[in-house]
Amino acid sequence: METNLNQTENNLKNPKSKSMRILTVLVVLMGIMIVVGLFVVVYTIASRAIDKSSKGTLRPWTTIVDLAEDAKVNGITADGSKLFVKVDPKNGVSLVLVFDSETGKQIGELKFQPR
């Protein structure tokens, strides 16, 4: 078997073997796939960042909640798009008021009564 390590410039520019042509095509295709994949990743990151920043442009809201005079707000917690407000009145019936954090509207109420 003969190995020719001294290739001429003409041989390097025009590979004669079929395997070299296939290898060249595969390298070009992989390069294109890398560029397209990188574009998809950058586009996905940018579109998600734009979506999250657009939610921050919502109008501020004010909600007035009528509580008894002896009631005390004992905690506020946010989870996703919900806001939970724990209210402890002195009569023993604890409340958790549930609000939509985007609109400020009350969407639920949990009452805990002692037995």
PDB file of N, CA and C in Angstrom:
ATOM      1  N   MET A   1       0.848  -1.155   0.000  1.00  0.00           N
ATOM      2  CA  MET A   1       0.000   0.000   0.000  1.00  0.00           C
ATOM      3  C   MET A   1       0.901   1.227   0.000  1.00  0.00           C
ATOM      4  N   GLU A   2       0.575   2.135  -0.837  1.00  0.00           N
ATOM      5  CA  GLU A   2       1.402   3.311  -1.048  1.00  0.00           C
ATOM      6  C   GLU A   2       0.748   4.533  -0.423  1.00  0.00           C
ATOM      7  N   THR A   3       1.494   5.292   0.359  1.00  0.00           N
ATOM      8  CA  THR A   3       0.984   6.499   0.983  1.00  0.00           C
ATOM      9  C   THR A   3       1.722   7.686   0.408  1.00  0.00           C
ATOM     10  N   ASN A   4       0.956   8.643  -0.077  1.00  0.00           N
ATOM     11  CA  ASN A   4       1.552   9.826  -0.670  1.00  0.00           C
ATOM     12  C   ASN A   4       1.364  10.988   0.288  1.00  0.00           C
ATOM     13  N   LEU A   5       2.415  11.336   1.037  1.00  0.00           N
ATOM     14  CA  LEU A   5       2.333  12.435   1.983  1.00  0.00           C
ATOM     15  C   LEU A   5       2.637  13.773   1.328  1.00  0.00           C
ATOM     16  N   ASN A   6       3.271  13.763   0.198  1.00  0.00           N
ATOM     17  CA  ASN A   6       3.628  14.984  -0.514  1.00  0.00           C
ATOM     18  C   ASN A   6       2.561  15.286  -1.554  1.00  0.00           C
ATOM     19  N   GLN A   7       1.475  15.875  -1.104  1.00  0.00           N
ATOM     20  CA  GLN A   7       0.399  16.195  -2.029  1.00  0.00           C
ATOM     21  C   GLN A   7       0.654  17.558  -2.642  1.00  0.00           C
ATOM     22  N   THR A   8       0.307  17.673  -3.878  1.00  0.00           N
ATOM     23  CA  THR A   8       0.487  18.948  -4.564  1.00  0.00           C
ATOM     24  C   THR A   8      -0.681  19.866  -4.254  1.00  0.00           C
ATOM     25  N   GLU A   9      -0.521  21.138  -4.589  1.00  0.00           N
ATOM     26  CA  GLU A   9      -1.580  22.120  -4.349  1.00  0.00           C
ATOM     27  C   GLU A   9      -2.833  21.753  -5.124  1.00  0.00           C
ATOM     28  N   ASN A  10      -2.674  21.203  -6.288  1.00  0.00           N
ATOM     29  CA  ASN A  10      -3.808  20.802  -7.115  1.00  0.00           C
ATOM     30  C   ASN A  10      -4.587  19.672  -6.452  1.00  0.00           C
ATOM     31  N   ASN A  11      -3.881  18.725  -5.840  1.00  0.00           N
ATOM     32  CA  ASN A  11      -4.554  17.612  -5.162  1.00  0.00           C
ATOM     33  C   ASN A  11      -5.320  18.096  -3.931  1.00  0.00           C
ATOM     34  N   LEU A  12      -4.784  19.108  -3.233  1.00  0.00           N
ATOM     35  CA  LEU A  12      -5.464  19.615  -2.046  1.00  0.00           C
ATOM     36  C   LEU A  12      -6.729  20.375  -2.410  1.00  0.00           C
ATOM     37  N   LYS A  13      -6.712  21.096  -3.527  1.00  0.00           N
ATOM     38  CA  LYS A  13      -7.886  21.860  -3.941  1.00  0.00           C
ATOM     39  C   LYS A  13      -8.959  20.966  -4.547  1.00  0.00           C
ATOM     40  N   ASN A  14      -8.589  19.931  -5.197  1.00  0.00           N
ATOM     41  CA  ASN A  14      -9.539  19.021  -5.851  1.00  0.00           C
ATOM     42  C   ASN A  14      -9.328  17.607  -5.323  1.00  0.00           C
ATOM     43  N   PRO A  15      -9.915  17.279  -4.195  1.00  0.00           N
ATOM     44  CA  PRO A  15      -9.727  15.916  -3.684  1.00  0.00           C
ATOM     45  C   PRO A  15     -10.352  14.911  -4.647  1.00  0.00           C
ATOM     46  N   LYS A  16      -9.604  13.875  -4.929  1.00  0.00           N
ATOM     47  CA  LYS A  16     -10.056  12.908  -5.928  1.00  0.00           C
ATOM     48  C   LYS A  16     -10.857  11.772  -5.311  1.00  0.00           C
ATOM     49  N   SER A  17     -10.597  11.455  -4.069  1.00  0.00           N
ATOM     50  CA  SER A  17     -11.276  10.295  -3.510  1.00  0.00           C
ATOM     51  C   SER A  17     -12.712  10.644  -3.119  1.00  0.00           C
ATOM     52  N   LYS A  18     -13.554   9.662  -3.233  1.00  0.00           N
ATOM     53  CA  LYS A  18     -14.967   9.837  -2.897  1.00  0.00           C
ATOM     54  C   LYS A  18     -15.134  10.097  -1.401  1.00  0.00           C
ATOM     55  N   SER A  19     -14.323   9.453  -0.589  1.00  0.00           N
ATOM     56  CA  SER A  19     -14.439   9.638   0.859  1.00  0.00           C
ATOM     57  C   SER A  19     -14.091  11.065   1.271  1.00  0.00           C
ATOM     58  N   MET A  20     -13.145  11.703   0.579  1.00  0.00           N
ATOM     59  CA  MET A  20     -12.811  13.095   0.888  1.00  0.00           C
ATOM     60  C   MET A  20     -13.965  14.019   0.520  1.00  0.00           C
ATOM     61  N   ARG A  21     -14.634  13.756  -0.577  1.00  0.00           N
ATOM     62  CA  ARG A  21     -15.785  14.579  -0.964  1.00  0.00           C
ATOM     63  C   ARG A  21     -16.920  14.425   0.041  1.00  0.00           C
ATOM     64  N   ILE A  22     -17.151  13.195   0.463  1.00  0.00           N
ATOM     65  CA  ILE A  22     -18.204  12.947   1.453  1.00  0.00           C
ATOM     66  C   ILE A  22     -17.860  13.635   2.774  1.00  0.00           C
ATOM     67  N   LEU A  23     -16.599  13.535   3.179  1.00  0.00           N
ATOM     68  CA  LEU A  23     -16.164  14.176   4.414  1.00  0.00           C
ATOM     69  C   LEU A  23     -16.316  15.694   4.324  1.00  0.00           C
ATOM     70  N   THR A  24     -15.988  16.270   3.193  1.00  0.00           N
ATOM     71  CA  THR A  24     -16.129  17.716   3.005  1.00  0.00           C
ATOM     72  C   THR A  24     -17.591  18.135   3.100  1.00  0.00           C
ATOM     73  N   VAL A  25     -18.473  17.382   2.466  1.00  0.00           N
ATOM     74  CA  VAL A  25     -19.903  17.688   2.517  1.00  0.00           C
ATOM     75  C   VAL A  25     -20.413  17.581   3.953  1.00  0.00           C
ATOM     76  N   LEU A  26     -19.986  16.545   4.674  1.00  0.00           N
ATOM     77  CA  LEU A  26     -20.423  16.380   6.060  1.00  0.00           C
ATOM     78  C   LEU A  26     -19.938  17.522   6.954  1.00  0.00           C
ATOM     79  N   VAL A  27     -18.707  17.957   6.760  1.00  0.00           N
ATOM     80  CA  VAL A  27     -18.175  19.062   7.561  1.00  0.00           C
ATOM     81  C   VAL A  27     -18.949  20.345   7.279  1.00  0.00           C
ATOM     82  N   VAL A  28     -19.261  20.605   6.024  1.00  0.00           N
ATOM     83  CA  VAL A  28     -20.032  21.799   5.671  1.00  0.00           C
ATOM     84  C   VAL A  28     -21.434  21.716   6.274  1.00  0.00           C
ATOM     85  N   LEU A  29     -22.082  20.558   6.176  1.00  0.00           N
ATOM     86  CA  LEU A  29     -23.418  20.395   6.749  1.00  0.00           C
ATOM     87  C   LEU A  29     -23.400  20.580   8.269  1.00  0.00           C
ATOM     88  N   MET A  30     -22.396  20.034   8.932  1.00  0.00           N
ATOM     89  CA  MET A  30     -22.309  20.201  10.386  1.00  0.00           C
ATOM     90  C   MET A  30     -22.082  21.665  10.755  1.00  0.00           C
ATOM     91  N   GLY A  31     -21.306  22.365   9.975  1.00  0.00           N
ATOM     92  CA  GLY A  31     -21.105  23.795  10.217  1.00  0.00           C
ATOM     93  C   GLY A  31     -22.400  24.568  10.085  1.00  0.00           C
ATOM     94  N   ILE A  32     -23.182  24.243   9.062  1.00  0.00           N
ATOM     95  CA  ILE A  32     -24.486  24.894   8.872  1.00  0.00           C
ATOM     96  C   ILE A  32     -25.409  24.573  10.041  1.00  0.00           C
ATOM     97  N   MET A  33     -25.396  23.307  10.494  1.00  0.00           N
ATOM     98  CA  MET A  33     -26.241  22.918  11.621  1.00  0.00           C
ATOM     99  C   MET A  33     -25.845  23.659  12.898  1.00  0.00           C
ATOM    100  N   ILE A  34     -24.559  23.873  13.106  1.00  0.00           N
ATOM    101  CA  ILE A  34     -24.105  24.614  14.289  1.00  0.00           C
ATOM    102  C   ILE A  34     -24.592  26.054  14.228  1.00  0.00           C
ATOM    103  N   VAL A  35     -24.474  26.684  13.062  1.00  0.00           N
ATOM    104  CA  VAL A  35     -24.914  28.075  12.917  1.00  0.00           C
ATOM    105  C   VAL A  35     -26.422  28.186  13.127  1.00  0.00           C
ATOM    106  N   VAL A  36     -27.200  27.280  12.528  1.00  0.00           N
ATOM    107  CA  VAL A  36     -28.657  27.307  12.686  1.00  0.00           C
ATOM    108  C   VAL A  36     -29.038  27.036  14.144  1.00  0.00           C
ATOM    109  N   GLY A  37     -28.387  26.074  14.784  1.00  0.00           N
ATOM    110  CA  GLY A  37     -28.670  25.779  16.187  1.00  0.00           C
ATOM    111  C   GLY A  37     -28.360  26.953  17.093  1.00  0.00           C
ATOM    112  N   LEU A  38     -27.255  27.629  16.836  1.00  0.00           N
ATOM    113  CA  LEU A  38     -26.903  28.811  17.617  1.00  0.00           C
ATOM    114  C   LEU A  38     -27.935  29.916  17.426  1.00  0.00           C
ATOM    115  N   PHE A  39     -28.411  30.093  16.203  1.00  0.00           N
ATOM    116  CA  PHE A  39     -29.452  31.085  15.934  1.00  0.00           C
ATOM    117  C   PHE A  39     -30.729  30.749  16.705  1.00  0.00           C
ATOM    118  N   VAL A  40     -31.122  29.476  16.723  1.00  0.00           N
ATOM    119  CA  VAL A  40     -32.337  29.058  17.436  1.00  0.00           C
ATOM    120  C   VAL A  40     -32.196  29.329  18.937  1.00  0.00           C
ATOM    121  N   VAL A  41     -31.039  29.032  19.511  1.00  0.00           N
ATOM    122  CA  VAL A  41     -30.827  29.267  20.942  1.00  0.00           C
ATOM    123  C   VAL A  41     -30.909  30.757  21.260  1.00  0.00           C
ATOM    124  N   VAL A  42     -30.244  31.591  20.467  1.00  0.00           N
ATOM    125  CA  VAL A  42     -30.267  33.040  20.701  1.00  0.00           C
ATOM    126  C   VAL A  42     -31.682  33.584  20.536  1.00  0.00           C
ATOM    127  N   TYR A  43     -32.404  33.129  19.513  1.00  0.00           N
ATOM    128  CA  TYR A  43     -33.776  33.584  19.282  1.00  0.00           C
ATOM    129  C   TYR A  43     -34.685  33.186  20.445  1.00  0.00           C
ATOM    130  N   THR A  44     -34.543  31.958  20.944  1.00  0.00           N
ATOM    131  CA  THR A  44     -35.374  31.485  22.052  1.00  0.00           C
ATOM    132  C   THR A  44     -35.115  32.299  23.317  1.00  0.00           C
ATOM    133  N   ILE A  45     -33.858  32.546  23.623  1.00  0.00           N
ATOM    134  CA  ILE A  45     -33.527  33.335  24.813  1.00  0.00           C
ATOM    135  C   ILE A  45     -34.076  34.747  24.682  1.00  0.00           C
ATOM    136  N   ALA A  46     -33.915  35.349  23.509  1.00  0.00           N
ATOM    137  CA  ALA A  46     -34.395  36.723  23.309  1.00  0.00           C
ATOM    138  C   ALA A  46     -35.915  36.799  23.393  1.00  0.00           C
ATOM    139  N   SER A  47     -36.624  35.844  22.790  1.00  0.00           N
ATOM    140  CA  SER A  47     -38.088  35.899  22.814  1.00  0.00           C
ATOM    141  C   SER A  47     -38.628  35.679  24.223  1.00  0.00           C
ATOM    142  N   ARG A  48     -37.989  34.816  25.007  1.00  0.00           N
ATOM    143  CA  ARG A  48     -38.439  34.615  26.391  1.00  0.00           C
ATOM    144  C   ARG A  48     -38.152  35.842  27.245  1.00  0.00           C
ATOM    145  N   ALA A  49     -37.042  36.495  27.002  1.00  0.00           N
ATOM    146  CA  ALA A  49     -36.721  37.713  27.758  1.00  0.00           C
ATOM    147  C   ALA A  49     -37.703  38.822  27.423  1.00  0.00           C
ATOM    148  N   ILE A  50     -38.102  38.931  26.169  1.00  0.00           N
ATOM    149  CA  ILE A  50     -39.069  39.951  25.764  1.00  0.00           C
ATOM    150  C   ILE A  50     -40.431  39.657  26.377  1.00  0.00           C
ATOM    151  N   ASP A  51     -40.849  38.383  26.401  1.00  0.00           N
ATOM    152  CA  ASP A  51     -42.139  38.020  26.993  1.00  0.00           C
ATOM    153  C   ASP A  51     -42.184  38.370  28.476  1.00  0.00           C
ATOM    154  N   LYS A  52     -41.118  38.086  29.213  1.00  0.00           N
ATOM    155  CA  LYS A  52     -41.108  38.380  30.643  1.00  0.00           C
ATOM    156  C   LYS A  52     -41.100  39.875  30.902  1.00  0.00           C
ATOM    157  N   SER A  53     -40.393  40.628  30.060  1.00  0.00           N
ATOM    158  CA  SER A  53     -40.343  42.071  30.292  1.00  0.00           C
ATOM    159  C   SER A  53     -41.656  42.737  29.905  1.00  0.00           C
ATOM    160  N   SER A  54     -42.418  42.141  29.000  1.00  0.00           N
ATOM    161  CA  SER A  54     -43.693  42.750  28.619  1.00  0.00           C
ATOM    162  C   SER A  54     -44.726  42.613  29.731  1.00  0.00           C
ATOM    163  N   LYS A  55     -44.599  41.598  30.578  1.00  0.00           N
ATOM    164  CA  LYS A  55     -45.529  41.453  31.696  1.00  0.00           C
ATOM    165  C   LYS A  55     -45.299  42.533  32.743  1.00  0.00           C
ATOM    166  N   GLY A  56     -44.118  43.095  32.781  1.00  0.00           N
ATOM    167  CA  GLY A  56     -43.814  44.133  33.745  1.00  0.00           C
ATOM    168  C   GLY A  56     -44.442  45.469  33.398  1.00  0.00           C
ATOM    169  N   THR A  57     -45.054  45.578  32.235  1.00  0.00           N
ATOM    170  CA  THR A  57     -45.650  46.845  31.825  1.00  0.00           C
ATOM    171  C   THR A  57     -47.128  46.931  32.183  1.00  0.00           C
ATOM    172  N   LEU A  58     -47.617  46.010  33.015  1.00  0.00           N
ATOM    173  CA  LEU A  58     -49.012  46.062  33.433  1.00  0.00           C
ATOM    174  C   LEU A  58     -49.252  47.303  34.284  1.00  0.00           C
ATOM    175  N   ARG A  59     -50.479  47.779  34.248  1.00  0.00           N
ATOM    176  CA  ARG A  59     -50.829  48.970  35.024  1.00  0.00           C
ATOM    177  C   ARG A  59     -50.871  48.620  36.504  1.00  0.00           C
ATOM    178  N   PRO A  60     -50.412  49.505  37.358  1.00  0.00           N
ATOM    179  CA  PRO A  60     -50.514  49.263  38.795  1.00  0.00           C
ATOM    180  C   PRO A  60     -51.976  49.245  39.234  1.00  0.00           C
ATOM    181  N   TRP A  61     -52.260  48.490  40.264  1.00  0.00           N
ATOM    182  CA  TRP A  61     -53.641  48.368  40.721  1.00  0.00           C
ATOM    183  C   TRP A  61     -53.728  48.643  42.218  1.00  0.00           C
ATOM    184  N   THR A  62     -54.925  48.995  42.632  1.00  0.00           N
ATOM    185  CA  THR A  62     -55.227  49.210  44.046  1.00  0.00           C
ATOM    186  C   THR A  62     -56.506  48.455  44.373  1.00  0.00           C
ATOM    187  N   THR A  63     -56.474  47.701  45.454  1.00  0.00           N
ATOM    188  CA  THR A  63     -57.649  46.967  45.906  1.00  0.00           C
ATOM    189  C   THR A  63     -57.904  47.324  47.363  1.00  0.00           C
ATOM    190  N   ILE A  64     -59.134  47.658  47.666  1.00  0.00           N
ATOM    191  CA  ILE A  64     -59.514  47.975  49.042  1.00  0.00           C
ATOM    192  C   ILE A  64     -60.271  46.780  49.605  1.00  0.00           C
ATOM    193  N   VAL A  65     -59.762  46.236  50.703  1.00  0.00           N
ATOM    194  CA  VAL A  65     -60.371  45.076  51.348  1.00  0.00           C
ATOM    195  C   VAL A  65     -60.954  45.538  52.677  1.00  0.00           C
ATOM    196  N   ASP A  66     -62.242  45.270  52.869  1.00  0.00           N
ATOM    197  CA  ASP A  66     -62.904  45.640  54.122  1.00  0.00           C
ATOM    198  C   ASP A  66     -62.622  44.569  55.171  1.00  0.00           C
ATOM    199  N   LEU A  67     -61.915  44.952  56.217  1.00  0.00           N
ATOM    200  CA  LEU A  67     -61.611  44.044  57.319  1.00  0.00           C
ATOM    201  C   LEU A  67     -62.234  44.592  58.597  1.00  0.00           C
ATOM    202  N   ALA A  68     -62.501  43.698  59.529  1.00  0.00           N
ATOM    203  CA  ALA A  68     -63.003  44.123  60.841  1.00  0.00           C
ATOM    204  C   ALA A  68     -61.920  44.932  61.552  1.00  0.00           C
ATOM    205  N   GLU A  69     -62.346  45.782  62.482  1.00  0.00           N
ATOM    206  CA  GLU A  69     -61.385  46.650  63.174  1.00  0.00           C
ATOM    207  C   GLU A  69     -60.361  45.862  63.979  1.00  0.00           C
ATOM    208  N   ASP A  70     -60.788  44.712  64.499  1.00  0.00           N
ATOM    209  CA  ASP A  70     -59.865  43.923  65.309  1.00  0.00           C
ATOM    210  C   ASP A  70     -59.006  42.970  64.471  1.00  0.00           C
ATOM    211  N   ALA A  71     -59.192  42.953  63.156  1.00  0.00           N
ATOM    212  CA  ALA A  71     -58.440  42.046  62.283  1.00  0.00           C
ATOM    213  C   ALA A  71     -57.022  42.574  62.061  1.00  0.00           C
ATOM    214  N   LYS A  72     -56.110  41.612  61.910  1.00  0.00           N
ATOM    215  CA  LYS A  72     -54.709  41.970  61.720  1.00  0.00           C
ATOM    216  C   LYS A  72     -54.142  41.142  60.567  1.00  0.00           C
ATOM    217  N   VAL A  73     -53.471  41.798  59.623  1.00  0.00           N
ATOM    218  CA  VAL A  73     -52.803  41.076  58.533  1.00  0.00           C
ATOM    219  C   VAL A  73     -51.568  40.419  59.125  1.00  0.00           C
ATOM    220  N   ASN A  74     -51.540  39.087  59.025  1.00  0.00           N
ATOM    221  CA  ASN A  74     -50.480  38.323  59.675  1.00  0.00           C
ATOM    222  C   ASN A  74     -49.453  37.783  58.688  1.00  0.00           C
ATOM    223  N   GLY A  75     -49.649  37.979  57.406  1.00  0.00           N
ATOM    224  CA  GLY A  75     -48.664  37.509  56.433  1.00  0.00           C
ATOM    225  C   GLY A  75     -49.145  37.681  55.011  1.00  0.00           C
ATOM    226  N   ILE A  76     -48.196  37.903  54.120  1.00  0.00           N
ATOM    227  CA  ILE A  76     -48.489  38.026  52.688  1.00  0.00           C
ATOM    228  C   ILE A  76     -47.489  37.151  51.947  1.00  0.00           C
ATOM    229  N   THR A  77     -48.005  36.327  51.030  1.00  0.00           N
ATOM    230  CA  THR A  77     -47.152  35.438  50.246  1.00  0.00           C
ATOM    231  C   THR A  77     -47.595  35.484  48.793  1.00  0.00           C
ATOM    232  N   ALA A  78     -46.630  35.477  47.891  1.00  0.00           N
ATOM    233  CA  ALA A  78     -46.929  35.431  46.458  1.00  0.00           C
ATOM    234  C   ALA A  78     -46.467  34.092  45.901  1.00  0.00           C
ATOM    235  N   ASP A  79     -47.278  33.537  45.004  1.00  0.00           N
ATOM    236  CA  ASP A  79     -46.925  32.282  44.347  1.00  0.00           C
ATOM    237  C   ASP A  79     -47.425  32.350  42.915  1.00  0.00           C
ATOM    238  N   GLY A  80     -46.521  32.507  41.965  1.00  0.00           N
ATOM    239  CA  GLY A  80     -46.927  32.629  40.566  1.00  0.00           C
ATOM    240  C   GLY A  80     -47.718  33.893  40.355  1.00  0.00           C
ATOM    241  N   SER A  81     -48.942  33.743  39.882  1.00  0.00           N
ATOM    242  CA  SER A  81     -49.778  34.919  39.623  1.00  0.00           C
ATOM    243  C   SER A  81     -50.813  35.126  40.730  1.00  0.00           C
ATOM    244  N   LYS A  82     -50.590  34.503  41.880  1.00  0.00           N
ATOM    245  CA  LYS A  82     -51.529  34.642  42.998  1.00  0.00           C
ATOM    246  C   LYS A  82     -50.837  35.300  44.187  1.00  0.00           C
ATOM    247  N   LEU A  83     -51.625  36.057  44.938  1.00  0.00           N
ATOM    248  CA  LEU A  83     -51.152  36.736  46.140  1.00  0.00           C
ATOM    249  C   LEU A  83     -52.033  36.275  47.296  1.00  0.00           C
ATOM    250  N   PHE A  84     -51.423  35.752  48.366  1.00  0.00           N
ATOM    251  CA  PHE A  84     -52.149  35.231  49.514  1.00  0.00           C
ATOM    252  C   PHE A  84     -51.929  36.160  50.706  1.00  0.00           C
ATOM    253  N   VAL A  85     -53.031  36.595  51.318  1.00  0.00           N
ATOM    254  CA  VAL A  85     -52.967  37.485  52.478  1.00  0.00           C
ATOM    255  C   VAL A  85     -53.630  36.770  53.648  1.00  0.00           C
ATOM    256  N   LYS A  86     -52.859  36.524  54.732  1.00  0.00           N
ATOM    257  CA  LYS A  86     -53.406  35.854  55.917  1.00  0.00           C
ATOM    258  C   LYS A  86     -53.884  36.916  56.893  1.00  0.00           C
ATOM    259  N   VAL A  87     -55.155  36.816  57.270  1.00  0.00           N
ATOM    260  CA  VAL A  87     -55.784  37.781  58.174  1.00  0.00           C
ATOM    261  C   VAL A  87     -56.231  37.028  59.424  1.00  0.00           C
ATOM    262  N   ASP A  88     -55.864  37.546  60.597  1.00  0.00           N
ATOM    263  CA  ASP A  88     -56.252  36.943  61.876  1.00  0.00           C
ATOM    264  C   ASP A  88     -57.099  37.920  62.674  1.00  0.00           C
ATOM    265  N   PRO A  89     -58.425  37.751  62.636  1.00  0.00           N
ATOM    266  CA  PRO A  89     -59.271  38.585  63.494  1.00  0.00           C
ATOM    267  C   PRO A  89     -59.276  38.015  64.913  1.00  0.00           C
ATOM    268  N   LYS A  90     -59.756  38.791  65.864  1.00  0.00           N
ATOM    269  CA  LYS A  90     -59.745  38.345  67.261  1.00  0.00           C
ATOM    270  C   LYS A  90     -60.868  37.372  67.567  1.00  0.00           C
ATOM    271  N   ASN A  91     -61.834  37.200  66.667  1.00  0.00           N
ATOM    272  CA  ASN A  91     -62.946  36.284  66.943  1.00  0.00           C
ATOM    273  C   ASN A  91     -62.566  34.825  66.705  1.00  0.00           C
ATOM    274  N   GLY A  92     -61.351  34.556  66.244  1.00  0.00           N
ATOM    275  CA  GLY A  92     -60.895  33.182  66.102  1.00  0.00           C
ATOM    276  C   GLY A  92     -61.035  32.590  64.720  1.00  0.00           C
ATOM    277  N   VAL A  93     -61.664  33.264  63.781  1.00  0.00           N
ATOM    278  CA  VAL A  93     -61.827  32.740  62.424  1.00  0.00           C
ATOM    279  C   VAL A  93     -60.716  33.327  61.555  1.00  0.00           C
ATOM    280  N   SER A  94     -59.722  32.508  61.253  1.00  0.00           N
ATOM    281  CA  SER A  94     -58.617  32.980  60.412  1.00  0.00           C
ATOM    282  C   SER A  94     -59.021  32.940  58.947  1.00  0.00           C
ATOM    283  N   LEU A  95     -58.525  33.893  58.195  1.00  0.00           N
ATOM    284  CA  LEU A  95     -58.831  33.991  56.763  1.00  0.00           C
ATOM    285  C   LEU A  95     -57.545  34.006  55.955  1.00  0.00           C
ATOM    286  N   VAL A  96     -57.618  33.431  54.770  1.00  0.00           N
ATOM    287  CA  VAL A  96     -56.577  33.623  53.766  1.00  0.00           C
ATOM    288  C   VAL A  96     -57.288  34.151  52.532  1.00  0.00           C
ATOM    289  N   LEU A  97     -56.994  35.379  52.178  1.00  0.00           N
ATOM    290  CA  LEU A  97     -57.590  36.005  50.999  1.00  0.00           C
ATOM    291  C   LEU A  97     -56.663  35.771  49.814  1.00  0.00           C
ATOM    292  N   VAL A  98     -57.234  35.355  48.683  1.00  0.00           N
ATOM    293  CA  VAL A  98     -56.445  35.049  47.488  1.00  0.00           C
ATOM    294  C   VAL A  98     -56.763  36.088  46.421  1.00  0.00           C
ATOM    295  N   PHE A  99     -55.714  36.724  45.901  1.00  0.00           N
ATOM    296  CA  PHE A  99     -55.859  37.757  44.880  1.00  0.00           C
ATOM    297  C   PHE A  99     -55.080  37.369  43.628  1.00  0.00           C
ATOM    298  N   ASP A 100     -55.557  37.845  42.484  1.00  0.00           N
ATOM    299  CA  ASP A 100     -54.809  37.731  41.232  1.00  0.00           C
ATOM    300  C   ASP A 100     -53.788  38.865  41.228  1.00  0.00           C
ATOM    301  N   SER A 101     -52.504  38.528  41.165  1.00  0.00           N
ATOM    302  CA  SER A 101     -51.476  39.559  41.295  1.00  0.00           C
ATOM    303  C   SER A 101     -51.367  40.460  40.072  1.00  0.00           C
ATOM    304  N   GLU A 102     -51.945  40.064  38.946  1.00  0.00           N
ATOM    305  CA  GLU A 102     -51.877  40.906  37.750  1.00  0.00           C
ATOM    306  C   GLU A 102     -53.002  41.934  37.701  1.00  0.00           C
ATOM    307  N   THR A 103     -54.169  41.575  38.262  1.00  0.00           N
ATOM    308  CA  THR A 103     -55.316  42.483  38.198  1.00  0.00           C
ATOM    309  C   THR A 103     -55.684  43.073  39.552  1.00  0.00           C
ATOM    310  N   GLY A 104     -55.306  42.410  40.636  1.00  0.00           N
ATOM    311  CA  GLY A 104     -55.652  42.881  41.971  1.00  0.00           C
ATOM    312  C   GLY A 104     -57.018  42.442  42.438  1.00  0.00           C
ATOM    313  N   LYS A 105     -57.722  41.662  41.648  1.00  0.00           N
ATOM    314  CA  LYS A 105     -59.065  41.219  42.034  1.00  0.00           C
ATOM    315  C   LYS A 105     -58.974  40.013  42.966  1.00  0.00           C
ATOM    316  N   GLN A 106     -59.882  39.996  43.946  1.00  0.00           N
ATOM    317  CA  GLN A 106     -59.932  38.867  44.865  1.00  0.00           C
ATOM    318  C   GLN A 106     -60.561  37.688  44.140  1.00  0.00           C
ATOM    319  N   ILE A 107     -59.859  36.554  44.145  1.00  0.00           N
ATOM    320  CA  ILE A 107     -60.369  35.378  43.428  1.00  0.00           C
ATOM    321  C   ILE A 107     -60.753  34.250  44.378  1.00  0.00           C
ATOM    322  N   GLY A 108     -60.494  34.421  45.659  1.00  0.00           N
ATOM    323  CA  GLY A 108     -60.874  33.366  46.585  1.00  0.00           C
ATOM    324  C   GLY A 108     -60.663  33.769  48.028  1.00  0.00           C
ATOM    325  N   GLU A 109     -61.210  32.919  48.918  1.00  0.00           N
ATOM    326  CA  GLU A 109     -61.100  33.186  50.350  1.00  0.00           C
ATOM    327  C   GLU A 109     -61.160  31.851  51.077  1.00  0.00           C
ATOM    328  N   LEU A 110     -60.246  31.635  51.986  1.00  0.00           N
ATOM    329  CA  LEU A 110     -60.246  30.434  52.819  1.00  0.00           C
ATOM    330  C   LEU A 110     -60.550  30.850  54.253  1.00  0.00           C
ATOM    331  N   LYS A 111     -61.499  30.157  54.893  1.00  0.00           N
ATOM    332  CA  LYS A 111     -61.848  30.453  56.287  1.00  0.00           C
ATOM    333  C   LYS A 111     -61.472  29.252  57.141  1.00  0.00           C
ATOM    334  N   PHE A 112     -60.809  29.526  58.257  1.00  0.00           N
ATOM    335  CA  PHE A 112     -60.409  28.484  59.191  1.00  0.00           C
ATOM    336  C   PHE A 112     -61.109  28.746  60.520  1.00  0.00           C
ATOM    337  N   GLN A 113     -62.140  27.939  60.821  1.00  0.00           N
ATOM    338  CA  GLN A 113     -62.924  28.134  62.040  1.00  0.00           C
ATOM    339  C   GLN A 113     -62.525  27.088  63.074  1.00  0.00           C
ATOM    340  N   PRO A 114     -62.339  27.513  64.315  1.00  0.00           N
ATOM    341  CA  PRO A 114     -62.029  26.537  65.367  1.00  0.00           C
ATOM    342  C   PRO A 114     -63.276  25.723  65.710  1.00  0.00           C
ATOM    343  N   ARG A 115     -63.093  24.504  66.174  1.00  0.00           N
ATOM    344  CA  ARG A 115     -64.225  23.644  66.532  1.00  0.00           C
ATOM    345  C   ARG A 115     -64.539  23.761  67.988  1.00  0.00           C
TER     346      ARG A 115
END
